[in-house]
Structure formats: structure tokens, C-alpha cells
PDB file of all heavy atoms in Angstrom:
ATOM      1  N   ASN A   1      83.295 133.822  68.997  1.00  0.00           N
ATOM      2  CA  ASN A   1      82.357 133.710  70.040  1.00  0.00           C
ATOM      3  C   ASN A   1      82.954 133.216  71.369  1.00  0.00           C
ATOM      4  O   ASN A   1      82.500 132.237  71.965  1.00  0.00           O
ATOM      5  CB  ASN A   1      81.222 132.824  69.581  1.00  0.00           C
ATOM      6  CG  ASN A   1      79.955 132.894  70.570  1.00  0.00           C
ATOM      7  OD1 ASN A   1      79.847 133.842  71.289  1.00  0.00           O
ATOM      8  ND2 ASN A   1      79.146 131.741  70.507  1.00  0.00           N
ATOM      9  N   LEU A   2      84.011 133.878  71.777  1.00  0.00           N
ATOM     10  CA  LEU A   2      84.770 133.402  72.900  1.00  0.00           C
ATOM     11  C   LEU A   2      83.965 133.553  74.221  1.00  0.00           C
ATOM     12  O   LEU A   2      83.168 134.359  74.371  1.00  0.00           O
ATOM     13  CB  LEU A   2      86.025 134.256  73.061  1.00  0.00           C
ATOM     14  CG  LEU A   2      87.114 133.823  72.056  1.00  0.00           C
ATOM     15  CD1 LEU A   2      88.254 134.830  71.895  1.00  0.00           C
ATOM     16  CD2 LEU A   2      87.754 132.440  72.473  1.00  0.00           C
ATOM     17  N   LYS A   3      84.162 132.602  75.098  1.00  0.00           N
ATOM     18  CA  LYS A   3      83.533 132.493  76.425  1.00  0.00           C
ATOM     19  C   LYS A   3      84.526 132.550  77.503  1.00  0.00           C
ATOM     20  O   LYS A   3      85.633 132.195  77.313  1.00  0.00           O
ATOM     21  CB  LYS A   3      82.721 131.161  76.450  1.00  0.00           C
ATOM     22  CG  LYS A   3      81.732 131.005  75.303  1.00  0.00           C
ATOM     23  CD  LYS A   3      81.064 129.513  75.346  1.00  0.00           C
ATOM     24  CE  LYS A   3      80.101 129.358  74.240  1.00  0.00           C
ATOM     25  NZ  LYS A   3      79.507 128.055  74.286  1.00  0.00           N
ATOM     26  N   PRO A   4      84.085 132.929  78.731  1.00  0.00           N
ATOM     27  CA  PRO A   4      85.027 132.978  79.804  1.00  0.00           C
ATOM     28  C   PRO A   4      85.705 131.635  80.137  1.00  0.00           C
ATOM     29  O   PRO A   4      86.927 131.657  80.491  1.00  0.00           O
ATOM     30  CB  PRO A   4      84.128 133.395  80.990  1.00  0.00           C
ATOM     31  CG  PRO A   4      83.017 134.190  80.354  1.00  0.00           C
ATOM     32  CD  PRO A   4      82.732 133.555  79.059  1.00  0.00           C
ATOM     33  N   GLU A   5      85.090 130.513  79.851  1.00  0.00           N
ATOM     34  CA  GLU A   5      85.727 129.271  80.009  1.00  0.00           C
ATOM     35  C   GLU A   5      86.781 128.966  79.085  1.00  0.00           C
ATOM     36  O   GLU A   5      87.548 127.891  79.154  1.00  0.00           O
ATOM     37  CB  GLU A   5      84.698 128.112  80.058  1.00  0.00           C
ATOM     38  CG  GLU A   5      83.773 128.116  78.892  1.00  0.00           C
ATOM     39  CD  GLU A   5      82.442 128.782  79.082  1.00  0.00           C
ATOM     40  OE1 GLU A   5      82.426 129.858  79.705  1.00  0.00           O
ATOM     41  OE2 GLU A   5      81.399 128.217  78.695  1.00  0.00           O
ATOM     42  N   ASP A   6      86.944 129.754  77.962  1.00  0.00           N
ATOM     43  CA  ASP A   6      88.049 129.621  77.091  1.00  0.00           C
ATOM     44  C   ASP A   6      89.318 130.174  77.585  1.00  0.00           C
ATOM     45  O   ASP A   6      90.368 130.036  76.975  1.00  0.00           O
ATOM     46  CB  ASP A   6      87.754 130.249  75.740  1.00  0.00           C
ATOM     47  CG  ASP A   6      86.598 129.616  75.096  1.00  0.00           C
ATOM     48  OD1 ASP A   6      86.470 128.388  75.022  1.00  0.00           O
ATOM     49  OD2 ASP A   6      85.726 130.361  74.459  1.00  0.00           O
ATOM     50  N   THR A   7      89.293 130.911  78.691  1.00  0.00           N
ATOM     51  CA  THR A   7      90.531 131.477  79.272  1.00  0.00           C
ATOM     52  C   THR A   7      91.525 130.432  79.678  1.00  0.00           C
ATOM     53  O   THR A   7      91.167 129.552  80.400  1.00  0.00           O
ATOM     54  CB  THR A   7      90.096 132.339  80.540  1.00  0.00           C
ATOM     55  OG1 THR A   7      89.326 133.414  80.169  1.00  0.00           O
ATOM     56  CG2 THR A   7      91.359 132.832  81.192  1.00  0.00           C
ATOM     57  N   ALA A   8      92.773 130.557  79.084  1.00  0.00           N
ATOM     58  CA  ALA A   8      93.780 129.594  79.336  1.00  0.00           C
ATOM     59  C   ALA A   8      95.079 130.084  78.598  1.00  0.00           C
ATOM     60  O   ALA A   8      95.048 131.058  77.934  1.00  0.00           O
ATOM     61  CB  ALA A   8      93.380 128.225  78.743  1.00  0.00           C
ATOM     62  N   VAL A   9      96.068 129.449  78.934  1.00  0.00           N
ATOM     63  CA  VAL A   9      97.347 129.503  78.095  1.00  0.00           C
ATOM     64  C   VAL A   9      97.216 128.612  76.954  1.00  0.00           C
ATOM     65  O   VAL A   9      96.961 127.400  77.091  1.00  0.00           O
ATOM     66  CB  VAL A   9      98.621 129.206  78.962  1.00  0.00           C
ATOM     67  CG1 VAL A   9      99.920 129.293  78.094  1.00  0.00           C
ATOM     68  CG2 VAL A   9      98.734 130.154  80.133  1.00  0.00           C
ATOM     69  N   TYR A  10      97.367 129.089  75.717  1.00  0.00           N
ATOM     70  CA  TYR A  10      97.266 128.342  74.439  1.00  0.00           C
ATOM     71  C   TYR A  10      98.714 127.981  73.954  1.00  0.00           C
ATOM     72  O   TYR A  10      99.501 128.844  73.896  1.00  0.00           O
ATOM     73  CB  TYR A  10      96.417 129.008  73.383  1.00  0.00           C
ATOM     74  CG  TYR A  10      95.010 129.018  73.740  1.00  0.00           C
ATOM     75  CD1 TYR A  10      94.448 129.727  74.814  1.00  0.00           C
ATOM     76  CD2 TYR A  10      94.150 128.239  72.986  1.00  0.00           C
ATOM     77  CE1 TYR A  10      93.076 129.742  75.127  1.00  0.00           C
ATOM     78  CE2 TYR A  10      92.775 128.213  73.251  1.00  0.00           C
ATOM     79  CZ  TYR A  10      92.225 128.931  74.355  1.00  0.00           C
ATOM     80  OH  TYR A  10      90.939 128.887  74.640  1.00  0.00           O
ATOM     81  N   TYR A  11      98.875 126.705  73.663  1.00  0.00           N
ATOM     82  CA  TYR A  11     100.154 126.210  73.142  1.00  0.00           C
ATOM     83  C   TYR A  11      99.930 125.631  71.685  1.00  0.00           C
ATOM     84  O   TYR A  11      98.964 124.926  71.518  1.00  0.00           O
ATOM     85  CB  TYR A  11     100.676 125.113  74.070  1.00  0.00           C
ATOM     86  CG  TYR A  11     100.993 125.552  75.426  1.00  0.00           C
ATOM     87  CD1 TYR A  11      99.978 125.402  76.400  1.00  0.00           C
ATOM     88  CD2 TYR A  11     102.227 125.951  75.839  1.00  0.00           C
ATOM     89  CE1 TYR A  11     100.243 125.747  77.711  1.00  0.00           C
ATOM     90  CE2 TYR A  11     102.501 126.357  77.128  1.00  0.00           C
ATOM     91  CZ  TYR A  11     101.500 126.255  78.049  1.00  0.00           C
ATOM     92  OH  TYR A  11     101.796 126.560  79.359  1.00  0.00           O
ATOM     93  N   CYS A  12     100.873 125.832  70.863  1.00  0.00           N
ATOM     94  CA  CYS A  12     100.993 125.115  69.592  1.00  0.00           C
ATOM     95  C   CYS A  12     101.997 123.998  69.704  1.00  0.00           C
ATOM     96  O   CYS A  12     102.912 124.133  70.467  1.00  0.00           O
ATOM     97  CB  CYS A  12     101.248 126.000  68.389  1.00  0.00           C
ATOM     98  SG  CYS A  12     102.914 126.754  68.326  1.00  0.00           S
ATOM     99  N   ALA A  13     101.791 122.950  68.974  1.00  0.00           N
ATOM    100  CA  ALA A  13     102.693 121.779  69.000  1.00  0.00           C
ATOM    101  C   ALA A  13     102.790 121.152  67.590  1.00  0.00           C
ATOM    102  O   ALA A  13     101.910 121.343  66.705  1.00  0.00           O
ATOM    103  CB  ALA A  13     102.107 120.672  69.997  1.00  0.00           C
ATOM    104  N   GLY A  14     103.978 120.458  67.376  1.00  0.00           N
ATOM    105  CA  GLY A  14     104.170 119.844  66.089  1.00  0.00           C
ATOM    106  C   GLY A  14     104.732 118.412  66.311  1.00  0.00           C
ATOM    107  O   GLY A  14     105.377 118.057  67.258  1.00  0.00           O
ATOM    108  N   ALA A  15     104.418 117.628  65.317  1.00  0.00           N
ATOM    109  CA  ALA A  15     104.879 116.235  65.225  1.00  0.00           C
ATOM    110  C   ALA A  15     105.290 115.880  63.824  1.00  0.00           C
ATOM    111  O   ALA A  15     104.565 116.303  62.916  1.00  0.00           O
ATOM    112  CB  ALA A  15     103.867 115.246  65.701  1.00  0.00           C
ATOM    113  N   HIS A  16     106.471 115.247  63.689  1.00  0.00           N
ATOM    114  CA  HIS A  16     106.995 114.933  62.319  1.00  0.00           C
ATOM    115  C   HIS A  16     106.233 113.788  61.675  1.00  0.00           C
ATOM    116  O   HIS A  16     106.624 112.624  61.778  1.00  0.00           O
ATOM    117  CB  HIS A  16     108.461 114.604  62.431  1.00  0.00           C
ATOM    118  CG  HIS A  16     109.094 114.505  61.067  1.00  0.00           C
ATOM    119  ND1 HIS A  16     109.461 113.355  60.453  1.00  0.00           N
ATOM    120  CD2 HIS A  16     109.537 115.575  60.150  1.00  0.00           C
ATOM    121  CE1 HIS A  16     110.061 113.657  59.278  1.00  0.00           C
ATOM    122  NE2 HIS A  16     110.078 114.947  59.113  1.00  0.00           N
ATOM    123  N   ALA A  17     105.005 114.135  61.148  1.00  0.00           N
ATOM    124  CA  ALA A  17     104.081 113.118  60.674  1.00  0.00           C
ATOM    125  C   ALA A  17     103.124 113.820  59.728  1.00  0.00           C
ATOM    126  O   ALA A  17     102.907 114.978  59.863  1.00  0.00           O
ATOM    127  CB  ALA A  17     103.383 112.426  61.773  1.00  0.00           C
ATOM    128  N   ASP A  18     102.561 113.033  58.839  1.00  0.00           N
ATOM    129  CA  ASP A  18     101.499 113.491  58.061  1.00  0.00           C
ATOM    130  C   ASP A  18     100.196 113.763  58.863  1.00  0.00           C
ATOM    131  O   ASP A  18      99.522 114.784  58.694  1.00  0.00           O
ATOM    132  CB  ASP A  18     101.252 112.488  56.857  1.00  0.00           C
ATOM    133  CG  ASP A  18     100.048 112.864  55.996  1.00  0.00           C
ATOM    134  OD1 ASP A  18      99.772 113.978  55.840  1.00  0.00           O
ATOM    135  OD2 ASP A  18      99.469 111.833  55.445  1.00  0.00           O
ATOM    136  N   TRP A  19      99.900 112.685  59.703  1.00  0.00           N
ATOM    137  CA  TRP A  19      98.701 112.857  60.507  1.00  0.00           C
ATOM    138  C   TRP A  19      99.023 112.068  61.803  1.00  0.00           C
ATOM    139  O   TRP A  19      99.736 111.019  61.741  1.00  0.00           O
ATOM    140  CB  TRP A  19      97.424 112.169  59.833  1.00  0.00           C
ATOM    141  CG  TRP A  19      96.290 112.127  60.651  1.00  0.00           C
ATOM    142  CD1 TRP A  19      95.711 111.023  61.215  1.00  0.00           C
ATOM    143  CD2 TRP A  19      95.420 113.179  61.126  1.00  0.00           C
ATOM    144  NE1 TRP A  19      94.610 111.294  61.996  1.00  0.00           N
ATOM    145  CE2 TRP A  19      94.433 112.682  61.905  1.00  0.00           C
ATOM    146  CE3 TRP A  19      95.510 114.548  60.933  1.00  0.00           C
ATOM    147  CZ2 TRP A  19      93.366 113.380  62.494  1.00  0.00           C
ATOM    148  CZ3 TRP A  19      94.475 115.375  61.468  1.00  0.00           C
ATOM    149  CH2 TRP A  19      93.453 114.709  62.242  1.00  0.00           C
ATOM    150  N   VAL A  20      98.579 112.502  62.901  1.00  0.00           N
ATOM    151  CA  VAL A  20      98.804 111.924  64.221  1.00  0.00           C
ATOM    152  C   VAL A  20      97.537 111.196  64.628  1.00  0.00           C
ATOM    153  O   VAL A  20      96.538 111.831  64.804  1.00  0.00           O
ATOM    154  CB  VAL A  20      99.257 112.980  65.278  1.00  0.00           C
ATOM    155  CG1 VAL A  20      99.425 112.259  66.651  1.00  0.00           C
ATOM    156  CG2 VAL A  20     100.580 113.638  64.765  1.00  0.00           C
ATOM    157  N   MET A  21      97.650 109.962  64.875  1.00  0.00           N
ATOM    158  CA  MET A  21      96.521 109.250  65.560  1.00  0.00           C
ATOM    159  C   MET A  21      96.480 109.697  66.966  1.00  0.00           C
ATOM    160  O   MET A  21      97.439 109.753  67.715  1.00  0.00           O
ATOM    161  CB  MET A  21      96.820 107.704  65.508  1.00  0.00           C
ATOM    162  CG  MET A  21      96.995 107.102  64.063  1.00  0.00           C
ATOM    163  SD  MET A  21      95.458 107.304  63.122  1.00  0.00           S
ATOM    164  CE  MET A  21      94.300 106.327  64.024  1.00  0.00           C
ATOM    165  N   GLY A  22      95.208 109.970  67.377  1.00  0.00           N
ATOM    166  CA  GLY A  22      95.032 110.461  68.760  1.00  0.00           C
ATOM    167  C   GLY A  22      95.657 111.888  68.866  1.00  0.00           C
ATOM    168  O   GLY A  22      96.355 112.227  69.736  1.00  0.00           O
ATOM    169  N   CYS A  23      95.364 112.717  67.846  1.00  0.00           N
ATOM    170  CA  CYS A  23      96.055 113.967  67.689  1.00  0.00           C
ATOM    171  C   CYS A  23      95.759 115.023  68.651  1.00  0.00           C
ATOM    172  O   CYS A  23      96.367 116.087  68.684  1.00  0.00           O
ATOM    173  CB  CYS A  23      95.864 114.563  66.224  1.00  0.00           C
ATOM    174  SG  CYS A  23      94.130 115.023  65.868  1.00  0.00           S
ATOM    175  N   LEU A  24      94.795 114.795  69.568  1.00  0.00           N
ATOM    176  CA  LEU A  24      94.437 115.625  70.671  1.00  0.00           C
ATOM    177  C   LEU A  24      95.099 115.234  71.949  1.00  0.00           C
ATOM    178  O   LEU A  24      94.785 115.794  73.020  1.00  0.00           O
ATOM    179  CB  LEU A  24      92.937 115.888  70.845  1.00  0.00           C
ATOM    180  CG  LEU A  24      92.223 116.488  69.618  1.00  0.00           C
ATOM    181  CD1 LEU A  24      90.700 116.564  69.905  1.00  0.00           C
ATOM    182  CD2 LEU A  24      92.785 117.889  69.391  1.00  0.00           C
ATOM    183  N   ASP A  25      96.043 114.263  71.878  1.00  0.00           N
ATOM    184  CA  ASP A  25      96.743 113.815  73.019  1.00  0.00           C
ATOM    185  C   ASP A  25      98.102 114.580  73.061  1.00  0.00           C
ATOM    186  O   ASP A  25      98.864 114.426  72.099  1.00  0.00           O
ATOM    187  CB  ASP A  25      97.022 112.309  72.980  1.00  0.00           C
ATOM    188  CG  ASP A  25      97.796 111.717  74.091  1.00  0.00           C
ATOM    189  OD1 ASP A  25      98.276 112.459  74.935  1.00  0.00           O
ATOM    190  OD2 ASP A  25      98.002 110.565  74.091  1.00  0.00           O
ATOM    191  N   PRO A  26      98.421 115.354  74.037  1.00  0.00           N
ATOM    192  CA  PRO A  26      99.719 116.093  74.095  1.00  0.00           C
ATOM    193  C   PRO A  26     100.952 115.245  74.012  1.00  0.00           C
ATOM    194  O   PRO A  26     101.956 115.713  73.549  1.00  0.00           O
ATOM    195  CB  PRO A  26      99.596 116.959  75.332  1.00  0.00           C
ATOM    196  CG  PRO A  26      98.578 116.292  76.202  1.00  0.00           C
ATOM    197  CD  PRO A  26      97.679 115.647  75.257  1.00  0.00           C
ATOM    198  N   GLY A  27     100.863 113.975  74.486  1.00  0.00           N
ATOM    199  CA  GLY A  27     101.978 113.162  74.549  1.00  0.00           C
ATOM    200  C   GLY A  27     102.413 112.688  73.074  1.00  0.00           C
ATOM    201  O   GLY A  27     103.570 112.176  73.018  1.00  0.00           O
ATOM    202  N   GLU A  28     101.688 113.008  72.115  1.00  0.00           N
ATOM    203  CA  GLU A  28     102.096 112.586  70.681  1.00  0.00           C
ATOM    204  C   GLU A  28     103.005 113.720  70.049  1.00  0.00           C
ATOM    205  O   GLU A  28     103.451 113.373  68.931  1.00  0.00           O
ATOM    206  CB  GLU A  28     100.833 112.490  69.898  1.00  0.00           C
ATOM    207  CG  GLU A  28      99.811 111.367  70.308  1.00  0.00           C
ATOM    208  CD  GLU A  28     100.416 110.048  70.080  1.00  0.00           C
ATOM    209  OE1 GLU A  28     101.299 109.828  69.205  1.00  0.00           O
ATOM    210  OE2 GLU A  28     100.040 109.041  70.856  1.00  0.00           O
TER     211      GLU A  28
END
């Protein structure tokens, strides 16, 4: 159900951890 406001460059990211606290913070 994509919307025009979803238009963007999408990036994947990884961190060497089981789970990241504040996992929607790109600085992690």
C-alpha cells in the first residue's frame, strides 16, 4: 500500500549486536 510520501532512497544497515537499543537511530 505504498504512498507518494514513501518516495525516498532506502538504505539497509547492520550492527554487530543481538539487538540495538534505539534501533531506529542511524548513529547506532
